[in-house]
Amino acid sequence: MEETNQKSIAALILGILSIVIPYIGLVLGIIGIVLGTKGLREIDNHANQTGRGIAVAGRVCSIVGICLQTLLICFVVLGVVLFLTF
């Protein structure tokens, strides 16, 4: 019986959380990418595991979350710098 890889599920959850939770989402996104990559490797090595699409979706959500969090941090820093200079 085929089972879904647990690391791919965790990667998807962390990827979604990295989009939603400000600031901490940067760390969650990095962990999500690592777990998604490990999950893909495990799925490729074991024939009885599924969840390749979930792992890919987790990696994509994690990458999007990291990009959004980076933009958020840049805007906050820019706002603080502009506020303090005027």
Protein backbone atom coordinates (compact mmCIF):
# COMPACT_ATOMS: atom_id res chain seq x y z
CA MET A 1 0.00 0.00 0.00
CA GLU A 2 1.31 3.41 -0.94
CA GLU A 3 1.63 6.08 1.71
CA THR A 4 2.13 9.82 1.43
CA ASN A 5 5.57 11.05 2.41
CA GLN A 6 5.39 12.89 5.73
CA LYS A 7 8.17 15.34 4.89
CA SER A 8 6.29 16.50 1.82
CA ILE A 9 3.20 17.20 3.94
CA ALA A 10 5.32 19.12 6.46
CA ALA A 11 6.92 21.10 3.61
CA LEU A 12 3.51 22.13 2.31
CA ILE A 13 2.30 23.19 5.75
CA LEU A 14 5.48 25.18 6.40
CA GLY A 15 5.27 26.73 2.94
CA ILE A 16 1.74 27.96 3.55
CA LEU A 17 2.68 29.25 6.99
CA SER A 18 5.69 31.06 5.54
CA ILE A 19 3.32 33.08 3.37
CA VAL A 20 0.89 33.88 6.19
CA ILE A 21 3.07 34.53 9.26
CA PRO A 22 5.13 37.74 9.10
CA TYR A 23 8.86 37.74 9.88
CA ILE A 24 8.96 34.16 11.22
CA GLY A 25 7.83 33.04 7.77
CA LEU A 26 11.36 33.56 6.48
CA VAL A 27 12.68 30.79 8.73
CA LEU A 28 9.66 28.59 8.07
CA GLY A 29 10.20 28.97 4.32
CA ILE A 30 13.81 27.86 4.55
CA ILE A 31 12.83 24.81 6.60
CA GLY A 32 10.03 24.09 4.10
CA ILE A 33 12.46 24.08 1.18
CA VAL A 34 14.79 21.69 3.01
CA LEU A 35 11.97 19.31 3.94
CA GLY A 36 10.50 19.47 0.43
CA THR A 37 13.83 18.56 -1.10
CA LYS A 38 14.36 15.68 1.33
CA GLY A 39 10.81 14.50 0.71
CA LEU A 40 11.37 14.47 -3.07
CA ARG A 41 14.55 12.44 -2.64
CA GLU A 42 12.76 9.92 -0.42
CA ILE A 43 9.89 9.63 -2.89
CA ASP A 44 12.33 9.00 -5.75
CA ASN A 45 14.21 6.34 -3.76
CA HIS A 46 11.17 4.45 -2.40
CA ALA A 47 8.60 3.05 -4.80
CA ASN A 48 5.88 2.74 -2.13
CA GLN A 49 5.67 6.48 -1.32
CA THR A 50 3.56 9.14 -2.98
CA GLY A 51 3.31 12.89 -2.50
CA ARG A 52 5.60 14.25 -5.19
CA GLY A 53 3.13 16.99 -6.09
CA ILE A 54 2.70 17.91 -2.44
CA ALA A 55 6.46 18.23 -2.02
CA VAL A 56 6.75 20.41 -5.11
CA ALA A 57 3.85 22.59 -3.93
CA GLY A 58 5.54 22.90 -0.54
CA ARG A 59 8.77 24.05 -2.14
CA VAL A 60 6.95 26.57 -4.34
CA CYS A 61 4.97 27.97 -1.40
CA SER A 62 8.18 28.18 0.63
CA ILE A 63 9.96 30.09 -2.12
CA VAL A 64 7.02 32.48 -2.49
CA GLY A 65 6.93 32.92 1.28
CA ILE A 66 10.64 33.70 1.45
CA CYS A 67 10.29 36.28 -1.33
CA LEU A 68 7.31 37.95 0.37
CA GLN A 69 9.02 38.00 3.76
CA THR A 70 12.18 39.46 2.24
CA LEU A 71 10.14 42.21 0.60
CA LEU A 72 8.33 42.86 3.87
CA ILE A 73 11.59 43.18 5.79
CA CYS A 74 13.02 45.49 3.10
CA PHE A 75 9.94 47.73 3.24
CA VAL A 76 10.07 47.89 7.03
CA VAL A 77 13.77 48.79 7.01
CA LEU A 78 13.18 51.35 4.27
CA GLY A 79 10.28 52.85 6.20
CA VAL A 80 12.31 53.12 9.38
CA VAL A 81 15.23 54.71 7.57
CA LEU A 82 12.99 57.22 5.80
CA PHE A 83 11.11 58.00 8.99
CA LEU A 84 14.30 58.64 10.94
CA THR A 85 15.88 60.85 8.25
CA PHE A 86 12.98 63.32 8.01
